[in-house]
Each structure stands twice: as C-alpha cells, then as structure tokens.
Amino acid sequence: MKIATIIGARPQFIKASIISNLLKNRNNIEEIIINTGQHFDKNMSDIFFIELEISKPKYNLEIHSCSHGKMIGEMIKNIEILLQIEKPDIVLLYGDTNSTLAGAISASKIHIPIAHVEAGLRSYDKKMPEEINRILTDHVSSLLFCPTKQAVKNLLKEGFDINNIKLVGDVMYDLFLKYKNKCKNRNILNTMPSKNYCLMTIHREENATEEKIKEILSMVQDVCDKFNLNFVFPIHPRTLKFVKHKLDYPKIIFISPVSYMDMLSLELNAKLIVTDSGGIQKEACWSKVSCITIRNSTEWIETIENRWNILTGINKIKFEKAVYNFLVNNYERKIPDYGNGESSEKIINEIVKGTIS
C-alpha cells in the first residue's frame, strides 16, 4: 500500500510527524512525502524535519512567496504530475493551508481517494483563506478524520455521509503528550527576561498588514506598561516585514521563529499567551495557560467554552479587559476532549481498512 502525504507549512510538519513515524513501523505501507515548499525558511521548515525525525521528502516543489492563485495553481500542476508517476492508493492531507487545497484538487481530479486530517473544522468566516481551503478539501475527501465532536456535528449539518466521518481525536494532542515532559525545561528558557514572561505569536493573513501589526503591538505594549508584563515574540517572516520600529515596543522581546520543542517549552512556562494561531490556542489549553486570540472567530470553540481562550480581535478595550481577567481570576476549568493520545494509530488503521475495502 502506498500513501502520498502532501505537506508544506509548519503546522503540517508538526501534525504529519507522529503519523509518519508510526508508518515507518508498518511493513506493508510505503509513505512518500511531497513537500510543496510553502514554508521555506529554515526555521519554519528544515528544523521540524530534523527535530521531529520526519523522513526526508521524496519531492520538494519549492513553491512559495507568490499570490494565492499562482501558488495553488503551481502546486496543482506539479502535484498532479507526481501523483500520476507515483500512483498512490490514497493521498493524506492535513489542516487548511494552500498546500492542503492544492493536494485535494490534484488528487480528486485524477480520482485518487483523499484522507483529510482535521476535517470538519469551521470558523464560519469565509474571509479567512483557511476556511475556504478546509471546506473545499472536506468536500472531495473520502475519509474525514475529525479531531472533535463539534467537527463531526459540522459535517453532519452539511450533509456528509456519516460512514465517511471518523472521530479520532487530535494528532497534535498525541504529539503534545509525547513531548511535554521533555520540553518543560529547555535551554531557551534561560534566554527569557524573567520567569514571569508572556508569549505571543501573530502570523495570520488577516492580521498581516503594516497598520494592523502596528495596532496589535501598540495594544500589547500598553498592557505591558499597565500590568508590568514582558512579552516574548517569536516572529513569523510574514509578520516581520511589517514591523518598522521595534524600539517603540521596549517590553516586547522579538526573537526568530523557534523549533516545535522550544515553542512548546515557551508555552508550558508562559504566564499568558496571545496568538492568532489555531494550533497554539489548543496547546495553550493543554499547557493550562490562558490564551487571548487576536481573531473574531475560531474553529476551536472548545477552548472558548472551557474558558481557556477568549477572542478579542484587534480591539484595545476587549484586549485589556481579557488580560486583566486572566491575570486576576482563577477560573475553574477543564481540558476539552481531544482524544486519548492514540489519534494517529486510529487514523492509520482507518486508512488501511478503508483502502482494503
């Protein structure tokens, strides 16, 4: 049996790592990895393959740094050629990036079954490119691997065949459980300004303009001054080009992007997390650290319902209120159900069963 895994961005490298490593122990399965090259910076790509011991991609398309249309078009053209050469039994896709959508279109057009990990997630905000990508990918997938009960409900509401929907849990939670104890005290913590630091990440396209980045940084600097906080900011290359005057934000420590394990270490030890990332909303919750999300919607509503996370958008009043509430209140909270750490095994077993049948 041959599986073609198509990945291209930091979150996908993380999600794919645990399944890819399990596949190495299956004698009857061959996995080929196609890296679209969507994230090409060494700190956003190579380091994850090394650290998480992901097999070297058989193909690297090196498609990046262009518009959505051009990027997806180039990916579709190249992926289709590779799929026709390799003739996999199934294509395995993760999440909601341009690489995901390109893989879905390529495979569906030449009638190769698709398995989508993180199926059924919805923010119901179609201004987000990720929302369009995940909806379209779901609609051409044969196996829909849902991380949460809400994701299953979303798909059923949209009329999907219940036989194609599999509630397996979250592969990122599998990885979190595997590495959390190894990451509690990594060397990166020695570079922090104090033990009472906060952490932030901003990279979503909806926030990546010079005006919005300036507004977000000013908002964060203001709460630093008001509540005597320091923020550590591993800055995404997309965001960095919009930061013009770092000295205007003396309480924000800008650092280069970090590896998965270093990021997990920073999350586990942070006083508070501010982000617009989907994955970090969950990791904050699993780390039992309060999270403020600079978005107006989220696909991970369980983090909101269980009071680990709050949406503020770029709204100074809401943001300041959220910081204050998380700093002074000791909420009673529980960790939402994201599975038992065996999601990856369940996915592989379902792929084998589905392909054989």
Foldseek 3Di string as FASTA:
>chain_A
DEEEEEEEWQVSLLLVLVLQVVVVPPPVYHYAYEYANQPPPCLTPVLSCVVSVHPDHPYYNNQYDDDLVVSLVSLLVVVLVVCVVVVGQEYEYEAFDSRLQSNQVSCLVVPRAYAYAQAQFAQPDVVASSRVRRVNSNVSHQAYEHQDPNSLVSCVVVPDDNVRYDDQFGSSVLVCVVCLVVQQDDPVVVVDPDLAAEEEEEDGPVQQDLVSLVLVLVLVLVLCVVVVHAYEYQYDPSNVVSDDDCVVRVRYHYDHRHYPSNVLNCLLRYQEYEYQDQVVLLSNLVSVHAYEHQDPTHSPCVSVVQRSYDYDHSDSVSVSVNVVCSVPDDDDGDRDPRDDSCSSVVVVVCVVVVSVD
